[in-house]
Amino acid sequence: MRKTIHLVDDDAAVRHALGTFLASEGYTVKDYDCAETFLQSNDITSGILVLDQRMTGMTGLELQQELKKRKVDLPIIFITGHGNVALSVMAMKAGAMDFIEKPFSNEVLLSNVRQAFRRLESQQKELRRKTVILECYKTLTPREQEILAFIVDGISNKDLAERLQISNRTIEVHRSRIMRKMQAENLPDLVRMATLCGIG
């Protein structure tokens, strides 16, 4: 499956040169002459974004902020001929992968693109894991969900039994069911799963 790169730059020559190069490396390149055109596209939630900072109309940083408002989390590589430290810091604080200045070599861009797709794959893997964990969590009874929250807080079986006024054995049974339903290998794995999804 070919990986998609959204290329947003108001310079047609730059779009052509970069698009041709990236396509030759096996990527699907969709190019846009401005941020507004990109936002009107029906396909802005997948792939990565190679984005010029200084353009006619909305700037690259403004597009980055607009995507955050829309909860669209694409890895972004900024390219610019007018870079400065302040802009770089702003872009990176807002989550950009990198901020590279024109002129740059194809190798520098390609390295950044590969890194961006590695991050994207990691994000997608984490999202799939969260989905599986939350589906498992839904299979827990209200009591099991309550006990899981206490487990994540590090409360021992003995203290938990006293707090809930049930026997140690009952707590052990609940814990065993929770581990099985959550498909956790051990207690640290269970805690990591809960933490990842904000459970507890």
N, C-alpha and C. Protein backbone atom coordinates (compact mmCIF):
# COMPACT_ATOMS: atom_id res chain seq x y z
N MET A 1 0.84 -1.20 0.00
CA MET A 1 0.00 0.00 0.00
C MET A 1 0.87 1.25 0.00
N ARG A 2 0.65 2.14 -0.97
CA ARG A 2 1.45 3.36 -1.07
C ARG A 2 1.06 4.34 0.02
N LYS A 3 2.05 5.05 0.53
CA LYS A 3 1.83 6.00 1.60
C LYS A 3 1.59 7.39 1.01
N THR A 4 0.64 8.11 1.61
CA THR A 4 0.21 9.40 1.06
C THR A 4 0.92 10.57 1.73
N ILE A 5 1.43 11.47 0.89
CA ILE A 5 2.03 12.72 1.36
C ILE A 5 1.19 13.87 0.80
N HIS A 6 0.72 14.74 1.69
CA HIS A 6 0.03 15.95 1.27
C HIS A 6 1.07 17.07 1.21
N LEU A 7 1.25 17.65 0.05
CA LEU A 7 2.26 18.68 -0.17
C LEU A 7 1.55 20.01 -0.40
N VAL A 8 1.73 20.95 0.53
CA VAL A 8 1.06 22.25 0.45
C VAL A 8 2.12 23.34 0.29
N ASP A 9 2.14 23.97 -0.90
CA ASP A 9 3.12 25.02 -1.19
C ASP A 9 2.56 25.87 -2.33
N ASP A 10 2.64 27.19 -2.20
CA ASP A 10 2.06 28.05 -3.25
C ASP A 10 3.01 28.25 -4.43
N ASP A 11 4.18 27.63 -4.39
CA ASP A 11 5.14 27.70 -5.49
C ASP A 11 4.99 26.44 -6.35
N ALA A 12 4.46 26.63 -7.56
CA ALA A 12 4.20 25.49 -8.46
C ALA A 12 5.47 24.72 -8.79
N ALA A 13 6.58 25.42 -8.95
CA ALA A 13 7.85 24.76 -9.30
C ALA A 13 8.31 23.86 -8.16
N VAL A 14 8.15 24.35 -6.93
CA VAL A 14 8.53 23.54 -5.76
C VAL A 14 7.64 22.31 -5.67
N ARG A 15 6.34 22.50 -5.85
CA ARG A 15 5.41 21.37 -5.79
C ARG A 15 5.77 20.32 -6.83
N HIS A 16 6.09 20.77 -8.04
CA HIS A 16 6.43 19.83 -9.11
C HIS A 16 7.71 19.07 -8.79
N ALA A 17 8.74 19.80 -8.36
CA ALA A 17 10.04 19.16 -8.08
C ALA A 17 9.94 18.17 -6.93
N LEU A 18 9.34 18.61 -5.82
CA LEU A 18 9.23 17.72 -4.66
C LEU A 18 8.27 16.57 -4.94
N GLY A 19 7.17 16.87 -5.62
CA GLY A 19 6.20 15.83 -5.93
C GLY A 19 6.80 14.75 -6.80
N THR A 20 7.57 15.15 -7.81
CA THR A 20 8.20 14.19 -8.71
C THR A 20 9.19 13.31 -7.95
N PHE A 21 10.00 13.96 -7.10
CA PHE A 21 10.99 13.20 -6.33
C PHE A 21 10.33 12.21 -5.38
N LEU A 22 9.37 12.68 -4.61
CA LEU A 22 8.72 11.81 -3.62
C LEU A 22 7.95 10.67 -4.28
N ALA A 23 7.35 10.95 -5.42
CA ALA A 23 6.64 9.89 -6.17
C ALA A 23 7.64 8.83 -6.65
N SER A 24 8.84 9.28 -7.02
CA SER A 24 9.87 8.33 -7.49
C SER A 24 10.35 7.43 -6.35
N GLU A 25 10.12 7.88 -5.11
CA GLU A 25 10.50 7.07 -3.95
C GLU A 25 9.37 6.16 -3.49
N GLY A 26 8.28 6.14 -4.25
CA GLY A 26 7.19 5.20 -3.97
C GLY A 26 6.02 5.76 -3.19
N TYR A 27 5.98 7.08 -2.98
CA TYR A 27 4.90 7.69 -2.24
C TYR A 27 3.81 8.22 -3.17
N THR A 28 2.59 8.26 -2.68
CA THR A 28 1.50 8.93 -3.38
C THR A 28 1.50 10.38 -2.92
N VAL A 29 1.67 11.31 -3.86
CA VAL A 29 1.77 12.72 -3.51
C VAL A 29 0.53 13.47 -4.00
N LYS A 30 -0.13 14.14 -3.07
CA LYS A 30 -1.27 15.01 -3.41
C LYS A 30 -0.83 16.43 -3.11
N ASP A 31 -0.83 17.30 -4.15
CA ASP A 31 -0.32 18.65 -3.92
C ASP A 31 -1.44 19.69 -3.95
N TYR A 32 -1.23 20.76 -3.20
CA TYR A 32 -2.21 21.83 -3.03
C TYR A 32 -1.48 23.17 -3.10
N ASP A 33 -2.11 24.15 -3.74
CA ASP A 33 -1.46 25.43 -3.94
C ASP A 33 -1.63 26.39 -2.76
N CYS A 34 -2.45 26.01 -1.79
CA CYS A 34 -2.62 26.85 -0.60
C CYS A 34 -3.29 26.03 0.50
N ALA A 35 -3.25 26.57 1.71
CA ALA A 35 -3.83 25.87 2.86
C ALA A 35 -5.34 25.70 2.70
N GLU A 36 -5.98 26.73 2.15
CA GLU A 36 -7.44 26.68 2.00
C GLU A 36 -7.86 25.54 1.08
N THR A 37 -7.11 25.33 -0.01
CA THR A 37 -7.42 24.24 -0.94
C THR A 37 -7.28 22.89 -0.24
N PHE A 38 -6.23 22.77 0.57
CA PHE A 38 -6.02 21.53 1.33
C PHE A 38 -7.19 21.26 2.27
N LEU A 39 -7.65 22.28 2.98
CA LEU A 39 -8.75 22.11 3.93
C LEU A 39 -10.06 21.72 3.25
N GLN A 40 -10.18 22.07 1.98
CA GLN A 40 -11.40 21.73 1.24
C GLN A 40 -11.37 20.29 0.72
N SER A 41 -10.21 19.65 0.83
CA SER A 41 -10.08 18.28 0.36
C SER A 41 -10.86 17.33 1.25
N ASN A 42 -11.30 16.23 0.67
CA ASN A 42 -12.04 15.23 1.44
C ASN A 42 -11.11 14.23 2.13
N ASP A 43 -9.81 14.40 1.92
CA ASP A 43 -8.87 13.40 2.41
C ASP A 43 -7.74 14.07 3.18
N ILE A 44 -8.06 14.65 4.34
CA ILE A 44 -7.04 15.34 5.12
C ILE A 44 -6.75 14.65 6.45
N THR A 45 -7.30 13.47 6.64
CA THR A 45 -7.12 12.79 7.94
C THR A 45 -6.14 11.63 7.88
N SER A 46 -5.53 11.40 6.73
CA SER A 46 -4.58 10.29 6.62
C SER A 46 -3.30 10.78 5.94
N GLY A 47 -2.21 10.04 6.17
CA GLY A 47 -0.94 10.40 5.56
C GLY A 47 -0.18 11.42 6.39
N ILE A 48 0.80 12.07 5.76
CA ILE A 48 1.58 13.10 6.42
C ILE A 48 1.49 14.39 5.61
N LEU A 49 1.94 15.49 6.22
CA LEU A 49 1.80 16.80 5.60
C LEU A 49 3.18 17.45 5.47
N VAL A 50 3.56 17.78 4.23
CA VAL A 50 4.76 18.59 3.98
C VAL A 50 4.25 19.98 3.64
N LEU A 51 4.57 20.94 4.50
CA LEU A 51 3.86 22.21 4.51
C LEU A 51 4.78 23.42 4.45
N ASP A 52 4.54 24.28 3.48
CA ASP A 52 5.28 25.55 3.41
C ASP A 52 4.75 26.47 4.50
N GLN A 53 5.63 27.22 5.12
CA GLN A 53 5.20 28.13 6.18
C GLN A 53 4.61 29.42 5.62
N ARG A 54 5.30 30.04 4.67
CA ARG A 54 4.89 31.36 4.20
C ARG A 54 4.19 31.23 2.85
N MET A 55 2.86 31.40 2.85
CA MET A 55 2.08 31.26 1.63
C MET A 55 1.07 32.39 1.53
N THR A 56 0.54 32.55 0.33
CA THR A 56 -0.55 33.51 0.14
C THR A 56 -1.76 33.01 0.91
N GLY A 57 -2.41 33.89 1.65
CA GLY A 57 -3.56 33.48 2.45
C GLY A 57 -3.10 32.91 3.77
N MET A 58 -3.68 31.80 4.18
CA MET A 58 -3.35 31.18 5.46
C MET A 58 -1.91 30.68 5.47
N THR A 59 -1.17 30.99 6.53
CA THR A 59 0.21 30.51 6.63
C THR A 59 0.23 29.05 7.09
N GLY A 60 1.42 28.47 7.01
CA GLY A 60 1.54 27.09 7.46
C GLY A 60 1.22 26.92 8.94
N LEU A 61 1.68 27.85 9.77
CA LEU A 61 1.39 27.76 11.21
C LEU A 61 -0.11 27.91 11.47
N GLU A 62 -0.76 28.77 10.71
CA GLU A 62 -2.21 28.94 10.87
C GLU A 62 -2.95 27.66 10.47
N LEU A 63 -2.46 27.01 9.41
CA LEU A 63 -3.07 25.74 9.01
C LEU A 63 -2.86 24.69 10.10
N GLN A 64 -1.67 24.66 10.68
CA GLN A 64 -1.39 23.72 11.77
C GLN A 64 -2.37 23.93 12.92
N GLN A 65 -2.63 25.18 13.28
CA GLN A 65 -3.57 25.47 14.36
C GLN A 65 -5.00 25.07 13.98
N GLU A 66 -5.36 25.29 12.73
CA GLU A 66 -6.70 24.93 12.27
C GLU A 66 -6.90 23.41 12.34
N LEU A 67 -5.87 22.66 11.97
CA LEU A 67 -5.97 21.20 12.03
C LEU A 67 -6.11 20.73 13.48
N LYS A 68 -5.42 21.39 14.39
CA LYS A 68 -5.56 21.04 15.81
C LYS A 68 -6.98 21.28 16.28
N LYS A 69 -7.58 22.39 15.83
CA LYS A 69 -8.97 22.69 16.20
C LYS A 69 -9.90 21.60 15.69
N ARG A 70 -9.60 21.07 14.51
CA ARG A 70 -10.44 20.04 13.91
C ARG A 70 -10.07 18.65 14.41
N LYS A 71 -9.09 18.59 15.32
CA LYS A 71 -8.62 17.32 15.89
C LYS A 71 -8.07 16.38 14.80
N VAL A 72 -7.40 16.98 13.82
CA VAL A 72 -6.72 16.22 12.77
C VAL A 72 -5.24 16.18 13.14
N ASP A 73 -4.73 14.99 13.42
CA ASP A 73 -3.37 14.85 13.93
C ASP A 73 -2.46 14.21 12.88
N LEU A 74 -2.06 15.00 11.90
CA LEU A 74 -1.13 14.52 10.88
C LEU A 74 0.29 14.92 11.26
N PRO A 75 1.27 14.01 11.09
CA PRO A 75 2.66 14.44 11.25
C PRO A 75 2.96 15.54 10.22
N ILE A 76 3.56 16.65 10.68
CA ILE A 76 3.81 17.79 9.79
C ILE A 76 5.31 18.07 9.69
N ILE A 77 5.78 18.21 8.45
CA ILE A 77 7.15 18.66 8.18
C ILE A 77 7.02 20.05 7.54
N PHE A 78 7.53 21.06 8.21
CA PHE A 78 7.49 22.41 7.66
C PHE A 78 8.69 22.63 6.74
N ILE A 79 8.45 23.28 5.61
CA ILE A 79 9.53 23.72 4.73
C ILE A 79 9.35 25.22 4.52
N THR A 80 10.44 25.95 4.50
CA THR A 80 10.31 27.39 4.34
C THR A 80 11.59 28.04 3.84
N GLY A 81 11.40 29.12 3.11
CA GLY A 81 12.54 29.92 2.68
C GLY A 81 12.71 31.13 3.56
N HIS A 82 11.87 31.24 4.57
CA HIS A 82 11.87 32.41 5.45
C HIS A 82 11.86 31.98 6.91
N GLY A 83 12.61 30.95 7.21
CA GLY A 83 12.58 30.42 8.57
C GLY A 83 13.29 31.31 9.58
N ASN A 84 12.85 31.24 10.80
CA ASN A 84 13.56 31.86 11.90
C ASN A 84 13.33 31.03 13.15
N VAL A 85 14.12 31.29 14.17
CA VAL A 85 14.07 30.47 15.37
C VAL A 85 12.69 30.50 16.03
N ALA A 86 12.09 31.69 16.10
CA ALA A 86 10.79 31.83 16.76
C ALA A 86 9.73 30.98 16.07
N LEU A 87 9.70 31.02 14.74
CA LEU A 87 8.72 30.22 13.99
C LEU A 87 8.97 28.73 14.20
N SER A 88 10.24 28.34 14.19
CA SER A 88 10.58 26.93 14.40
C SER A 88 10.08 26.44 15.74
N VAL A 89 10.35 27.24 16.79
CA VAL A 89 9.93 26.87 18.13
C VAL A 89 8.42 26.75 18.22
N MET A 90 7.71 27.70 17.64
CA MET A 90 6.24 27.66 17.66
C MET A 90 5.72 26.40 16.98
N ALA A 91 6.29 26.08 15.82
CA ALA A 91 5.85 24.91 15.07
C ALA A 91 6.12 23.62 15.83
N MET A 92 7.31 23.52 16.42
CA MET A 92 7.69 22.30 17.13
C MET A 92 6.86 22.14 18.41
N LYS A 93 6.62 23.25 19.12
CA LYS A 93 5.79 23.17 20.33
C LYS A 93 4.38 22.72 20.00
N ALA A 94 3.92 23.08 18.80
CA ALA A 94 2.57 22.69 18.38
C ALA A 94 2.54 21.27 17.82
N GLY A 95 3.70 20.60 17.81
CA GLY A 95 3.72 19.19 17.43
C GLY A 95 4.33 18.86 16.08
N ALA A 96 4.93 19.84 15.40
CA ALA A 96 5.53 19.57 14.09
C ALA A 96 6.70 18.60 14.23
N MET A 97 6.93 17.80 13.20
CA MET A 97 8.05 16.86 13.19
C MET A 97 9.37 17.60 13.05
N ASP A 98 9.42 18.54 12.08
CA ASP A 98 10.66 19.27 11.82
C ASP A 98 10.35 20.56 11.07
N PHE A 99 11.33 21.43 10.99
CA PHE A 99 11.19 22.73 10.35
C PHE A 99 12.47 22.91 9.54
N ILE A 100 12.41 22.64 8.24
CA ILE A 100 13.63 22.68 7.42
C ILE A 100 13.57 23.84 6.43
N GLU A 101 14.73 24.47 6.24
CA GLU A 101 14.79 25.67 5.41
C GLU A 101 15.20 25.35 3.98
N LYS A 102 14.56 26.04 3.03
CA LYS A 102 14.95 25.96 1.63
C LYS A 102 16.23 26.79 1.45
N PRO A 103 17.14 26.38 0.56
CA PRO A 103 17.10 25.12 -0.18
C PRO A 103 17.58 23.97 0.69
N PHE A 104 17.02 22.79 0.49
CA PHE A 104 17.44 21.61 1.23
C PHE A 104 17.61 20.47 0.23
N SER A 105 18.37 19.47 0.63
CA SER A 105 18.60 18.34 -0.27
C SER A 105 17.42 17.38 -0.22
N ASN A 106 17.27 16.63 -1.30
CA ASN A 106 16.22 15.61 -1.33
C ASN A 106 16.40 14.59 -0.21
N GLU A 107 17.69 14.32 0.11
CA GLU A 107 17.98 13.32 1.15
C GLU A 107 17.48 13.78 2.52
N VAL A 108 17.63 15.09 2.79
CA VAL A 108 17.14 15.63 4.07
C VAL A 108 15.63 15.49 4.15
N LEU A 109 14.95 15.85 3.08
CA LEU A 109 13.49 15.74 3.06
C LEU A 109 13.07 14.29 3.19
N LEU A 110 13.71 13.40 2.46
CA LEU A 110 13.34 11.98 2.48
C LEU A 110 13.53 11.39 3.88
N SER A 111 14.60 11.76 4.54
CA SER A 111 14.84 11.29 5.90
C SER A 111 13.72 11.73 6.83
N ASN A 112 13.28 12.98 6.68
CA ASN A 112 12.18 13.50 7.50
C ASN A 112 10.87 12.80 7.19
N VAL A 113 10.63 12.54 5.91
CA VAL A 113 9.41 11.87 5.50
C VAL A 113 9.34 10.46 6.08
N ARG A 114 10.45 9.76 6.01
CA ARG A 114 10.48 8.40 6.56
C ARG A 114 10.24 8.41 8.07
N GLN A 115 10.83 9.37 8.74
CA GLN A 115 10.63 9.49 10.19
C GLN A 115 9.17 9.81 10.51
N ALA A 116 8.56 10.68 9.68
CA ALA A 116 7.16 11.05 9.90
C ALA A 116 6.25 9.83 9.74
N PHE A 117 6.53 8.99 8.77
CA PHE A 117 5.70 7.79 8.59
C PHE A 117 5.92 6.78 9.71
N ARG A 118 7.14 6.73 10.25
CA ARG A 118 7.36 5.86 11.41
C ARG A 118 6.53 6.35 12.59
N ARG A 119 6.50 7.68 12.78
CA ARG A 119 5.67 8.22 13.87
C ARG A 119 4.20 7.91 13.62
N LEU A 120 3.76 8.07 12.37
CA LEU A 120 2.36 7.81 12.04
C LEU A 120 2.00 6.36 12.32
N GLU A 121 2.88 5.45 11.93
CA GLU A 121 2.62 4.03 12.16
C GLU A 121 2.55 3.73 13.66
N SER A 122 3.41 4.40 14.44
CA SER A 122 3.39 4.22 15.89
C SER A 122 2.09 4.74 16.49
N GLN A 123 1.63 5.91 15.99
CA GLN A 123 0.37 6.48 16.47
C GLN A 123 -0.80 5.56 16.14
N GLN A 124 -0.80 5.02 14.93
CA GLN A 124 -1.89 4.14 14.51
C GLN A 124 -1.89 2.84 15.32
N LYS A 125 -0.69 2.33 15.61
CA LYS A 125 -0.58 1.11 16.42
C LYS A 125 -1.12 1.36 17.82
N GLU A 126 -0.77 2.52 18.39
CA GLU A 126 -1.25 2.86 19.73
C GLU A 126 -2.76 3.02 19.74
N LEU A 127 -3.29 3.65 18.68
CA LEU A 127 -4.74 3.85 18.59
C LEU A 127 -5.47 2.51 18.52
N ARG A 128 -4.92 1.58 17.73
CA ARG A 128 -5.54 0.26 17.63
C ARG A 128 -5.49 -0.46 18.98
N ARG A 129 -4.37 -0.30 19.69
CA ARG A 129 -4.24 -0.93 21.01
C ARG A 129 -5.24 -0.33 21.99
N LYS A 130 -5.40 0.99 21.96
CA LYS A 130 -6.38 1.65 22.84
C LYS A 130 -7.78 1.13 22.56
N THR A 131 -8.10 0.97 21.28
CA THR A 131 -9.43 0.49 20.90
C THR A 131 -9.69 -0.90 21.47
N VAL A 132 -8.70 -1.78 21.36
CA VAL A 132 -8.83 -3.14 21.88
C VAL A 132 -8.99 -3.11 23.40
N ILE A 133 -8.17 -2.30 24.07
CA ILE A 133 -8.23 -2.21 25.54
C ILE A 133 -9.60 -1.71 25.99
N LEU A 134 -10.10 -0.67 25.35
CA LEU A 134 -11.40 -0.11 25.74
C LEU A 134 -12.54 -1.10 25.49
N GLU A 135 -12.43 -1.89 24.43
CA GLU A 135 -13.44 -2.92 24.17
C GLU A 135 -13.40 -3.98 25.27
N CYS A 136 -12.20 -4.34 25.71
CA CYS A 136 -12.07 -5.29 26.81
C CYS A 136 -12.64 -4.69 28.09
N TYR A 137 -12.35 -3.42 28.31
CA TYR A 137 -12.82 -2.74 29.53
C TYR A 137 -14.35 -2.76 29.61
N LYS A 138 -15.01 -2.65 28.47
CA LYS A 138 -16.47 -2.64 28.44
C LYS A 138 -17.07 -3.98 28.89
N THR A 139 -16.25 -5.05 28.82
CA THR A 139 -16.76 -6.36 29.23
C THR A 139 -16.71 -6.54 30.75
N LEU A 140 -16.05 -5.64 31.46
CA LEU A 140 -15.98 -5.73 32.92
C LEU A 140 -17.31 -5.30 33.54
N THR A 141 -17.66 -5.94 34.64
CA THR A 141 -18.85 -5.52 35.38
C THR A 141 -18.53 -4.20 36.09
N PRO A 142 -19.55 -3.47 36.54
CA PRO A 142 -19.28 -2.23 37.29
C PRO A 142 -18.37 -2.46 38.49
N ARG A 143 -18.54 -3.58 39.19
CA ARG A 143 -17.70 -3.89 40.35
C ARG A 143 -16.26 -4.13 39.91
N GLU A 144 -16.09 -4.85 38.80
CA GLU A 144 -14.74 -5.11 38.30
C GLU A 144 -14.06 -3.82 37.85
N GLN A 145 -14.82 -2.92 37.24
CA GLN A 145 -14.27 -1.62 36.85
C GLN A 145 -13.83 -0.83 38.07
N GLU A 146 -14.63 -0.92 39.13
CA GLU A 146 -14.30 -0.23 40.37
C GLU A 146 -13.00 -0.79 40.96
N ILE A 147 -12.90 -2.11 40.98
CA ILE A 147 -11.71 -2.75 41.54
C ILE A 147 -10.48 -2.47 40.68
N LEU A 148 -10.65 -2.44 39.36
CA LEU A 148 -9.53 -2.11 38.47
C LEU A 148 -8.96 -0.72 38.81
N ALA A 149 -9.85 0.23 39.05
CA ALA A 149 -9.40 1.59 39.40
C ALA A 149 -8.55 1.57 40.67
N PHE A 150 -8.95 0.76 41.65
CA PHE A 150 -8.18 0.66 42.89
C PHE A 150 -6.83 -0.03 42.64
N ILE A 151 -6.85 -1.06 41.77
CA ILE A 151 -5.61 -1.76 41.44
C ILE A 151 -4.60 -0.81 40.81
N VAL A 152 -5.09 0.02 39.88
CA VAL A 152 -4.23 0.99 39.20
C VAL A 152 -3.63 1.98 40.20
N ASP A 153 -4.39 2.27 41.26
CA ASP A 153 -3.91 3.18 42.31
C ASP A 153 -2.92 2.51 43.26
N GLY A 154 -2.68 1.20 43.05
CA GLY A 154 -1.69 0.49 43.86
C GLY A 154 -2.19 0.00 45.20
N ILE A 155 -3.49 -0.12 45.36
CA ILE A 155 -4.06 -0.58 46.64
C ILE A 155 -3.97 -2.11 46.72
N SER A 156 -3.49 -2.60 47.83
CA SER A 156 -3.29 -4.05 48.00
C SER A 156 -4.62 -4.77 48.15
N ASN A 157 -4.58 -6.10 47.96
CA ASN A 157 -5.79 -6.93 48.11
C ASN A 157 -6.38 -6.78 49.51
N LYS A 158 -5.50 -6.79 50.51
CA LYS A 158 -5.96 -6.71 51.89
C LYS A 158 -6.67 -5.38 52.16
N ASP A 159 -6.04 -4.27 51.75
CA ASP A 159 -6.65 -2.96 51.96
C ASP A 159 -7.93 -2.81 51.16
N LEU A 160 -7.93 -3.39 49.97
CA LEU A 160 -9.11 -3.29 49.12
C LEU A 160 -10.28 -4.08 49.71
N ALA A 161 -9.97 -5.26 50.25
CA ALA A 161 -11.00 -6.08 50.88
C ALA A 161 -11.63 -5.34 52.05
N GLU A 162 -10.79 -4.69 52.85
CA GLU A 162 -11.30 -3.93 53.99
C GLU A 162 -12.14 -2.75 53.53
N ARG A 163 -11.68 -2.06 52.47
CA ARG A 163 -12.40 -0.89 51.99
C ARG A 163 -13.76 -1.25 51.43
N LEU A 164 -13.81 -2.37 50.70
CA LEU A 164 -15.08 -2.77 50.07
C LEU A 164 -15.89 -3.72 50.96
N GLN A 165 -15.30 -4.11 52.10
CA GLN A 165 -15.96 -4.99 53.06
C GLN A 165 -16.36 -6.32 52.42
N ILE A 166 -15.40 -6.88 51.71
CA ILE A 166 -15.57 -8.22 51.13
C ILE A 166 -14.31 -9.02 51.45
N SER A 167 -14.36 -10.31 51.21
CA SER A 167 -13.24 -11.16 51.60
C SER A 167 -12.06 -11.03 50.64
N ASN A 168 -10.91 -11.42 51.17
CA ASN A 168 -9.69 -11.44 50.35
C ASN A 168 -9.87 -12.36 49.15
N ARG A 169 -10.51 -13.48 49.40
CA ARG A 169 -10.73 -14.46 48.33
C ARG A 169 -11.58 -13.86 47.22
N THR A 170 -12.61 -13.08 47.58
CA THR A 170 -13.47 -12.45 46.57
C THR A 170 -12.68 -11.45 45.73
N ILE A 171 -11.79 -10.71 46.40
CA ILE A 171 -10.93 -9.76 45.67
C ILE A 171 -10.05 -10.51 44.67
N GLU A 172 -9.50 -11.64 45.12
CA GLU A 172 -8.63 -12.44 44.24
C GLU A 172 -9.40 -12.95 43.02
N VAL A 173 -10.65 -13.36 43.23
CA VAL A 173 -11.48 -13.82 42.12
C VAL A 173 -11.74 -12.68 41.13
N HIS A 174 -12.08 -11.51 41.67
CA HIS A 174 -12.30 -10.34 40.81
C HIS A 174 -11.04 -9.99 40.01
N ARG A 175 -9.90 -10.01 40.68
CA ARG A 175 -8.65 -9.67 40.00
C ARG A 175 -8.35 -10.65 38.88
N SER A 176 -8.60 -11.92 39.16
CA SER A 176 -8.35 -12.95 38.15
C SER A 176 -9.24 -12.73 36.93
N ARG A 177 -10.51 -12.41 37.17
CA ARG A 177 -11.44 -12.15 36.06
C ARG A 177 -11.04 -10.90 35.27
N ILE A 178 -10.61 -9.88 36.01
CA ILE A 178 -10.18 -8.63 35.36
C ILE A 178 -8.98 -8.91 34.45
N MET A 179 -8.00 -9.64 34.94
CA MET A 179 -6.81 -9.96 34.15
C MET A 179 -7.19 -10.72 32.88
N ARG A 180 -8.12 -11.68 33.05
CA ARG A 180 -8.53 -12.49 31.89
C ARG A 180 -9.29 -11.64 30.88
N LYS A 181 -10.25 -10.86 31.35
CA LYS A 181 -11.06 -10.06 30.43
C LYS A 181 -10.25 -8.96 29.74
N MET A 182 -9.28 -8.40 30.46
CA MET A 182 -8.45 -7.34 29.88
C MET A 182 -7.31 -7.90 29.04
N GLN A 183 -7.15 -9.23 29.05
CA GLN A 183 -6.10 -9.90 28.29
C GLN A 183 -4.72 -9.40 28.70
N ALA A 184 -4.56 -9.18 30.00
CA ALA A 184 -3.29 -8.69 30.54
C ALA A 184 -2.42 -9.88 30.94
N GLU A 185 -1.12 -9.79 30.62
CA GLU A 185 -0.20 -10.88 30.94
C GLU A 185 0.15 -10.90 32.42
N ASN A 186 0.26 -9.72 33.01
CA ASN A 186 0.61 -9.61 34.42
C ASN A 186 0.13 -8.26 34.95
N LEU A 187 0.40 -8.00 36.24
CA LEU A 187 -0.09 -6.77 36.84
C LEU A 187 0.52 -5.51 36.20
N PRO A 188 1.84 -5.47 35.96
CA PRO A 188 2.40 -4.28 35.31
C PRO A 188 1.78 -4.03 33.93
N ASP A 189 1.49 -5.11 33.19
CA ASP A 189 0.85 -4.98 31.89
C ASP A 189 -0.54 -4.39 32.03
N LEU A 190 -1.28 -4.83 33.04
CA LEU A 190 -2.63 -4.32 33.29
C LEU A 190 -2.58 -2.82 33.62
N VAL A 191 -1.63 -2.43 34.46
CA VAL A 191 -1.50 -1.02 34.84
C VAL A 191 -1.14 -0.16 33.62
N ARG A 192 -0.22 -0.66 32.78
CA ARG A 192 0.15 0.07 31.56
C ARG A 192 -1.05 0.26 30.65
N MET A 193 -1.85 -0.78 30.51
CA MET A 193 -3.04 -0.71 29.65
C MET A 193 -4.02 0.33 30.17
N ALA A 194 -4.25 0.28 31.47
CA ALA A 194 -5.19 1.23 32.08
C ALA A 194 -4.68 2.66 31.94
N THR A 195 -3.38 2.86 32.16
CA THR A 195 -2.79 4.18 32.07
C THR A 195 -2.88 4.73 30.66
N LEU A 196 -2.61 3.87 29.68
CA LEU A 196 -2.66 4.27 28.28
C LEU A 196 -4.02 4.83 27.89
N CYS A 197 -5.06 4.25 28.44
CA CYS A 197 -6.42 4.65 28.08
C CYS A 197 -7.08 5.56 29.10
N GLY A 198 -6.33 5.96 30.12
CA GLY A 198 -6.91 6.85 31.13
C GLY A 198 -7.93 6.17 32.00
N ILE A 199 -7.79 4.87 32.20
CA ILE A 199 -8.72 4.12 33.03
C ILE A 199 -8.24 4.17 34.48
N GLY A 200 -9.18 4.38 35.39
CA GLY A 200 -8.80 4.36 36.79
C GLY A 200 -8.71 5.77 37.37
